[in-house]
Amino acid sequence: MVLQYKLKSETRWKKYPGKNKLKFSVSKYDFRLLNEAKTKILADKASYSKVMKRFRQIEFFKRR
């Protein structure tokens, strides 16, 4: 899975480098989750906590 982010004012999505490498706080960004091939959106544009919640759900059911 690929986690992408962008500033709320921007239009281009970038690959997420990690929380500590962001310039601003997480609340100023939008996040989304894609499959590895970047063909399907697994979690559409939302806050960091909502996207990570969906990420953990997918990982949980993948491991079952």
C-alpha atoms as a PDB file:
ATOM      1  CA  MET A   1       0.000   0.000   0.000  1.00  0.00           C
ATOM      2  CA  VAL A   2       1.098   3.534  -0.730  1.00  0.00           C
ATOM      3  CA  LEU A   3       0.329   6.448   1.553  1.00  0.00           C
ATOM      4  CA  GLN A   4       0.227   9.824  -0.178  1.00  0.00           C
ATOM      5  CA  TYR A   5      -0.165  13.343   1.185  1.00  0.00           C
ATOM      6  CA  LYS A   6      -0.604  16.930   0.012  1.00  0.00           C
ATOM      7  CA  LEU A   7      -1.146  20.325   1.581  1.00  0.00           C
ATOM      8  CA  LYS A   8      -4.834  21.197   1.575  1.00  0.00           C
ATOM      9  CA  SER A   9      -4.140  24.124  -0.784  1.00  0.00           C
ATOM     10  CA  GLU A  10      -2.104  22.050  -3.298  1.00  0.00           C
ATOM     11  CA  THR A  11      -3.341  19.746  -6.050  1.00  0.00           C
ATOM     12  CA  ARG A  12      -0.444  17.316  -6.500  1.00  0.00           C
ATOM     13  CA  TRP A  13      -0.121  14.189  -4.326  1.00  0.00           C
ATOM     14  CA  LYS A  14       3.321  13.143  -3.031  1.00  0.00           C
ATOM     15  CA  LYS A  15       4.632   9.969  -1.434  1.00  0.00           C
ATOM     16  CA  TYR A  16       4.484  10.205   2.364  1.00  0.00           C
ATOM     17  CA  PRO A  17       8.021  10.505   3.834  1.00  0.00           C
ATOM     18  CA  GLY A  18       7.091  10.079   7.504  1.00  0.00           C
ATOM     19  CA  LYS A  19       5.567  12.226  10.216  1.00  0.00           C
ATOM     20  CA  ASN A  20       8.844  13.716  11.421  1.00  0.00           C
ATOM     21  CA  LYS A  21       9.846  14.944   7.924  1.00  0.00           C
ATOM     22  CA  LEU A  22       6.734  17.063   7.317  1.00  0.00           C
ATOM     23  CA  LYS A  23       7.165  20.839   7.434  1.00  0.00           C
ATOM     24  CA  PHE A  24       3.806  21.532   9.114  1.00  0.00           C
ATOM     25  CA  SER A  25       1.548  19.636  11.499  1.00  0.00           C
ATOM     26  CA  VAL A  26      -0.409  16.655  10.185  1.00  0.00           C
ATOM     27  CA  SER A  27      -3.692  18.580  10.412  1.00  0.00           C
ATOM     28  CA  LYS A  28      -2.640  20.882   7.533  1.00  0.00           C
ATOM     29  CA  TYR A  29      -2.405  17.958   5.084  1.00  0.00           C
ATOM     30  CA  ASP A  30      -4.795  15.621   3.285  1.00  0.00           C
ATOM     31  CA  PHE A  31      -3.923  11.941   3.044  1.00  0.00           C
ATOM     32  CA  ARG A  32      -5.023   9.014   0.905  1.00  0.00           C
ATOM     33  CA  LEU A  33      -4.185   5.337   0.635  1.00  0.00           C
ATOM     34  CA  LEU A  34      -3.599   3.518  -2.668  1.00  0.00           C
ATOM     35  CA  ASN A  35      -2.813  -0.067  -3.575  1.00  0.00           C
ATOM     36  CA  GLU A  36       0.776  -0.902  -4.532  1.00  0.00           C
ATOM     37  CA  ALA A  37       0.148  -0.466  -8.286  1.00  0.00           C
ATOM     38  CA  LYS A  38      -1.549   2.897  -7.614  1.00  0.00           C
ATOM     39  CA  THR A  39      -4.647   1.812  -9.567  1.00  0.00           C
ATOM     40  CA  LYS A  40      -7.204   1.727  -6.726  1.00  0.00           C
ATOM     41  CA  ILE A  41      -7.904   4.210  -3.971  1.00  0.00           C
ATOM     42  CA  LEU A  42      -8.283   2.253  -0.715  1.00  0.00           C
ATOM     43  CA  ALA A  43      -8.982   5.313   1.450  1.00  0.00           C
ATOM     44  CA  ASP A  44     -10.013   8.547  -0.224  1.00  0.00           C
ATOM     45  CA  LYS A  45      -8.875  12.039   0.809  1.00  0.00           C
ATOM     46  CA  ALA A  46      -9.217  12.344   4.596  1.00  0.00           C
ATOM     47  CA  SER A  47      -7.343  13.216   7.765  1.00  0.00           C
ATOM     48  CA  TYR A  48      -4.295  11.286   8.906  1.00  0.00           C
ATOM     49  CA  SER A  49      -6.146   9.450  11.679  1.00  0.00           C
ATOM     50  CA  LYS A  50      -8.957   8.265   9.380  1.00  0.00           C
ATOM     51  CA  VAL A  51      -6.565   7.025   6.708  1.00  0.00           C
ATOM     52  CA  MET A  52      -4.382   5.225   9.266  1.00  0.00           C
ATOM     53  CA  LYS A  53      -7.469   3.605  10.802  1.00  0.00           C
ATOM     54  CA  ARG A  54      -8.362   2.203   7.362  1.00  0.00           C
ATOM     55  CA  PHE A  55      -4.730   1.119   6.842  1.00  0.00           C
ATOM     56  CA  ARG A  56      -4.794  -0.866  10.103  1.00  0.00           C
ATOM     57  CA  GLN A  57      -8.125  -2.483   9.159  1.00  0.00           C
ATOM     58  CA  ILE A  58      -6.709  -3.654   5.827  1.00  0.00           C
ATOM     59  CA  GLU A  59      -3.530  -4.999   7.458  1.00  0.00           C
ATOM     60  CA  PHE A  60      -5.554  -6.829  10.128  1.00  0.00           C
ATOM     61  CA  PHE A  61      -7.737  -8.653   7.619  1.00  0.00           C
ATOM     62  CA  LYS A  62      -4.809  -9.347   5.298  1.00  0.00           C
ATOM     63  CA  ARG A  63      -3.024 -11.228   8.092  1.00  0.00           C
ATOM     64  CA  ARG A  64      -6.052 -13.313   9.184  1.00  0.00           C
END
